[in-house]
Amino acid sequence: MYGGFRVYGVDVEGSTTSRRAKFIFVNFLPDAAPVMMRARAGGHKGELKHVLVSSHVDIQIEEVEELTEEDIITRFERNLRKKEDG
């Protein structure tokens, strides 16, 4: 299963507040999913990513509990550091 959602990045610099939309692409594929379903899902991911080119973070989970607010924040921060270093 695939999904996506929008969050907002908020930066405050002095008296200026900046809000930017950030998009998250989520691939949920349980361990218990049949082999053929897993194989088909892998093939479709590339097509979906072609349509959703503006996602800022890609998350692949096998259990719904893996998708937490803290994990999303950590992934965004890691992504930001890569861009600043790169």
N, C-alpha and C. Protein backbone atom coordinates (compact mmCIF):
# COMPACT_ATOMS: atom_id res chain seq x y z
N MET A 1 0.83 -1.16 0.00
CA MET A 1 0.00 0.00 0.00
C MET A 1 0.88 1.23 0.00
N TYR A 2 0.45 2.24 -0.70
CA TYR A 2 1.18 3.49 -0.75
C TYR A 2 0.30 4.61 -0.26
N GLY A 3 0.91 5.63 0.23
CA GLY A 3 0.18 6.80 0.65
C GLY A 3 1.11 7.98 0.76
N GLY A 4 0.53 9.10 0.97
CA GLY A 4 1.33 10.30 1.13
C GLY A 4 0.55 11.29 1.98
N PHE A 5 1.28 12.16 2.59
CA PHE A 5 0.62 13.23 3.32
C PHE A 5 1.51 14.45 3.38
N ARG A 6 0.89 15.56 3.73
CA ARG A 6 1.59 16.84 3.77
C ARG A 6 1.75 17.30 5.22
N VAL A 7 2.93 17.78 5.53
CA VAL A 7 3.20 18.39 6.82
C VAL A 7 3.77 19.78 6.53
N TYR A 8 3.90 20.58 7.54
CA TYR A 8 4.45 21.91 7.34
C TYR A 8 5.74 22.09 8.13
N GLY A 9 6.76 22.60 7.45
CA GLY A 9 7.99 22.98 8.11
C GLY A 9 7.86 24.44 8.50
N VAL A 10 8.13 24.75 9.76
CA VAL A 10 7.99 26.11 10.25
C VAL A 10 9.34 26.58 10.77
N ASP A 11 9.80 27.71 10.23
CA ASP A 11 11.04 28.33 10.69
C ASP A 11 10.72 29.71 11.23
N VAL A 12 11.31 30.04 12.36
CA VAL A 12 11.12 31.37 12.94
C VAL A 12 12.49 32.02 13.05
N GLU A 13 12.67 33.12 12.37
CA GLU A 13 13.90 33.92 12.40
C GLU A 13 13.52 35.33 12.83
N GLY A 14 13.77 35.67 14.07
CA GLY A 14 13.39 37.00 14.55
C GLY A 14 11.89 37.18 14.46
N SER A 15 11.46 38.20 13.70
CA SER A 15 10.03 38.47 13.57
C SER A 15 9.42 37.81 12.34
N THR A 16 10.20 37.00 11.61
CA THR A 16 9.71 36.35 10.39
C THR A 16 9.44 34.88 10.64
N THR A 17 8.26 34.45 10.27
CA THR A 17 7.89 33.04 10.36
C THR A 17 7.63 32.52 8.96
N SER A 18 8.28 31.43 8.63
CA SER A 18 8.14 30.82 7.30
C SER A 18 7.49 29.45 7.45
N ARG A 19 6.42 29.21 6.69
CA ARG A 19 5.75 27.90 6.67
C ARG A 19 5.86 27.34 5.27
N ARG A 20 6.43 26.13 5.17
CA ARG A 20 6.58 25.48 3.87
C ARG A 20 5.97 24.09 3.93
N ALA A 21 5.22 23.77 2.88
CA ALA A 21 4.64 22.43 2.80
C ALA A 21 5.74 21.42 2.48
N LYS A 22 5.70 20.29 3.15
CA LYS A 22 6.63 19.19 2.92
C LYS A 22 5.79 17.93 2.69
N PHE A 23 6.21 17.11 1.75
CA PHE A 23 5.42 15.94 1.39
C PHE A 23 6.16 14.65 1.75
N ILE A 24 5.41 13.70 2.28
CA ILE A 24 5.96 12.42 2.71
C ILE A 24 5.32 11.31 1.89
N PHE A 25 6.15 10.44 1.36
CA PHE A 25 5.70 9.28 0.60
C PHE A 25 5.89 8.06 1.49
N VAL A 26 4.82 7.29 1.71
CA VAL A 26 4.89 6.13 2.60
C VAL A 26 4.57 4.86 1.81
N ASN A 27 5.43 3.87 1.96
CA ASN A 27 5.23 2.55 1.37
C ASN A 27 5.04 1.59 2.54
N PHE A 28 3.82 1.05 2.66
CA PHE A 28 3.49 0.11 3.73
C PHE A 28 3.33 -1.27 3.13
N LEU A 29 4.24 -2.16 3.49
CA LEU A 29 4.21 -3.52 2.97
C LEU A 29 4.53 -4.48 4.11
N PRO A 30 3.50 -5.09 4.70
CA PRO A 30 3.72 -5.98 5.84
C PRO A 30 4.57 -7.19 5.48
N ASP A 31 5.32 -7.69 6.44
CA ASP A 31 6.10 -8.91 6.27
C ASP A 31 5.22 -10.08 5.84
N ALA A 32 3.98 -10.09 6.34
CA ALA A 32 3.08 -11.21 6.07
C ALA A 32 2.44 -11.14 4.68
N ALA A 33 2.71 -10.08 3.93
CA ALA A 33 2.12 -9.96 2.59
C ALA A 33 2.66 -11.07 1.68
N PRO A 34 1.80 -11.59 0.80
CA PRO A 34 2.26 -12.64 -0.12
C PRO A 34 3.40 -12.15 -1.01
N VAL A 35 4.25 -13.08 -1.40
CA VAL A 35 5.44 -12.76 -2.19
C VAL A 35 5.08 -12.00 -3.47
N MET A 36 4.05 -12.43 -4.18
CA MET A 36 3.67 -11.77 -5.43
C MET A 36 3.21 -10.34 -5.19
N MET A 37 2.51 -10.11 -4.09
CA MET A 37 2.06 -8.76 -3.76
C MET A 37 3.28 -7.87 -3.51
N ARG A 38 4.26 -8.40 -2.78
CA ARG A 38 5.48 -7.63 -2.49
C ARG A 38 6.22 -7.31 -3.78
N ALA A 39 6.27 -8.28 -4.69
CA ALA A 39 6.98 -8.07 -5.95
C ALA A 39 6.28 -7.01 -6.80
N ARG A 40 4.97 -7.08 -6.88
CA ARG A 40 4.22 -6.08 -7.67
C ARG A 40 4.35 -4.70 -7.06
N ALA A 41 4.32 -4.62 -5.75
CA ALA A 41 4.42 -3.32 -5.09
C ALA A 41 5.76 -2.67 -5.39
N GLY A 42 6.82 -3.46 -5.43
CA GLY A 42 8.14 -2.90 -5.75
C GLY A 42 8.18 -2.32 -7.15
N GLY A 43 7.51 -2.96 -8.07
CA GLY A 43 7.48 -2.47 -9.44
C GLY A 43 6.68 -1.19 -9.60
N HIS A 44 5.63 -1.04 -8.80
CA HIS A 44 4.78 0.16 -8.90
C HIS A 44 5.40 1.37 -8.21
N LYS A 45 6.30 1.14 -7.29
CA LYS A 45 6.86 2.27 -6.53
C LYS A 45 7.53 3.27 -7.46
N GLY A 46 8.29 2.79 -8.44
CA GLY A 46 8.96 3.69 -9.36
C GLY A 46 7.98 4.56 -10.14
N GLU A 47 6.87 3.98 -10.55
CA GLU A 47 5.85 4.73 -11.28
C GLU A 47 5.22 5.80 -10.39
N LEU A 48 4.93 5.44 -9.15
CA LEU A 48 4.34 6.42 -8.24
C LEU A 48 5.33 7.53 -7.92
N LYS A 49 6.59 7.20 -7.73
CA LYS A 49 7.60 8.22 -7.45
C LYS A 49 7.74 9.18 -8.62
N HIS A 50 7.52 8.69 -9.83
CA HIS A 50 7.57 9.55 -11.02
C HIS A 50 6.47 10.61 -10.95
N VAL A 51 5.31 10.23 -10.45
CA VAL A 51 4.18 11.16 -10.32
C VAL A 51 4.37 12.06 -9.11
N LEU A 52 4.87 11.50 -8.02
CA LEU A 52 5.04 12.25 -6.77
C LEU A 52 6.49 12.73 -6.62
N VAL A 53 6.96 13.47 -7.59
CA VAL A 53 8.37 13.88 -7.61
C VAL A 53 8.72 14.86 -6.51
N SER A 54 7.74 15.47 -5.90
CA SER A 54 8.04 16.51 -4.91
C SER A 54 8.09 16.00 -3.48
N SER A 55 8.13 14.69 -3.26
CA SER A 55 8.18 14.22 -1.87
C SER A 55 9.55 14.52 -1.28
N HIS A 56 9.55 14.94 -0.04
CA HIS A 56 10.78 15.30 0.65
C HIS A 56 11.37 14.14 1.43
N VAL A 57 10.51 13.20 1.85
CA VAL A 57 10.95 12.06 2.63
C VAL A 57 10.20 10.82 2.14
N ASP A 58 10.92 9.73 1.95
CA ASP A 58 10.33 8.44 1.62
C ASP A 58 10.45 7.54 2.83
N ILE A 59 9.35 6.91 3.20
CA ILE A 59 9.34 6.03 4.36
C ILE A 59 8.80 4.67 3.92
N GLN A 60 9.52 3.62 4.26
CA GLN A 60 9.06 2.27 4.01
C GLN A 60 8.89 1.58 5.35
N ILE A 61 7.68 1.09 5.59
CA ILE A 61 7.39 0.43 6.87
C ILE A 61 6.77 -0.93 6.63
N GLU A 62 6.93 -1.80 7.63
CA GLU A 62 6.31 -3.12 7.58
C GLU A 62 5.22 -3.25 8.63
N GLU A 63 5.23 -2.37 9.62
CA GLU A 63 4.21 -2.35 10.68
C GLU A 63 3.74 -0.91 10.84
N VAL A 64 2.45 -0.71 11.03
CA VAL A 64 1.90 0.63 11.18
C VAL A 64 2.54 1.37 12.35
N GLU A 65 2.90 0.63 13.39
CA GLU A 65 3.50 1.25 14.57
C GLU A 65 4.85 1.89 14.29
N GLU A 66 5.47 1.55 13.17
CA GLU A 66 6.76 2.14 12.82
C GLU A 66 6.64 3.60 12.40
N LEU A 67 5.45 4.03 12.04
CA LEU A 67 5.23 5.39 11.56
C LEU A 67 4.81 6.27 12.73
N THR A 68 5.79 6.92 13.34
CA THR A 68 5.53 7.78 14.49
C THR A 68 5.95 9.21 14.16
N GLU A 69 5.42 10.14 14.90
CA GLU A 69 5.77 11.54 14.71
C GLU A 69 7.28 11.75 14.92
N GLU A 70 7.84 11.11 15.93
CA GLU A 70 9.27 11.26 16.21
C GLU A 70 10.12 10.75 15.05
N ASP A 71 9.70 9.63 14.46
CA ASP A 71 10.44 9.07 13.32
C ASP A 71 10.38 10.00 12.12
N ILE A 72 9.22 10.58 11.87
CA ILE A 72 9.08 11.51 10.74
C ILE A 72 9.98 12.72 10.95
N ILE A 73 9.98 13.28 12.15
CA ILE A 73 10.83 14.44 12.45
C ILE A 73 12.29 14.09 12.27
N THR A 74 12.70 12.93 12.77
CA THR A 74 14.10 12.48 12.63
C THR A 74 14.48 12.37 11.16
N ARG A 75 13.61 11.79 10.35
CA ARG A 75 13.91 11.63 8.92
C ARG A 75 14.03 12.98 8.22
N PHE A 76 13.15 13.93 8.56
CA PHE A 76 13.25 15.26 7.97
C PHE A 76 14.56 15.93 8.37
N GLU A 77 14.92 15.83 9.63
CA GLU A 77 16.17 16.45 10.09
C GLU A 77 17.37 15.82 9.41
N ARG A 78 17.38 14.50 9.25
CA ARG A 78 18.47 13.80 8.58
C ARG A 78 18.56 14.25 7.12
N ASN A 79 17.42 14.37 6.47
CA ASN A 79 17.36 14.82 5.08
C ASN A 79 17.90 16.24 4.94
N LEU A 80 17.55 17.11 5.88
CA LEU A 80 18.01 18.50 5.88
C LEU A 80 19.54 18.55 6.05
N ARG A 81 20.08 17.75 6.99
CA ARG A 81 21.53 17.74 7.20
C ARG A 81 22.27 17.28 5.94
N LYS A 82 21.73 16.26 5.25
CA LYS A 82 22.34 15.78 4.00
C LYS A 82 22.42 16.90 2.98
N LYS A 83 21.35 17.67 2.86
CA LYS A 83 21.33 18.76 1.88
C LYS A 83 22.31 19.87 2.28
N GLU A 84 22.43 20.15 3.57
CA GLU A 84 23.36 21.18 4.02
C GLU A 84 24.81 20.74 3.84
N ASP A 85 25.08 19.45 4.03
CA ASP A 85 26.44 18.92 3.89
C ASP A 85 26.82 18.69 2.44
N GLY A 86 25.81 18.40 1.60
CA GLY A 86 26.06 17.95 0.24
C GLY A 86 26.31 18.97 -0.76
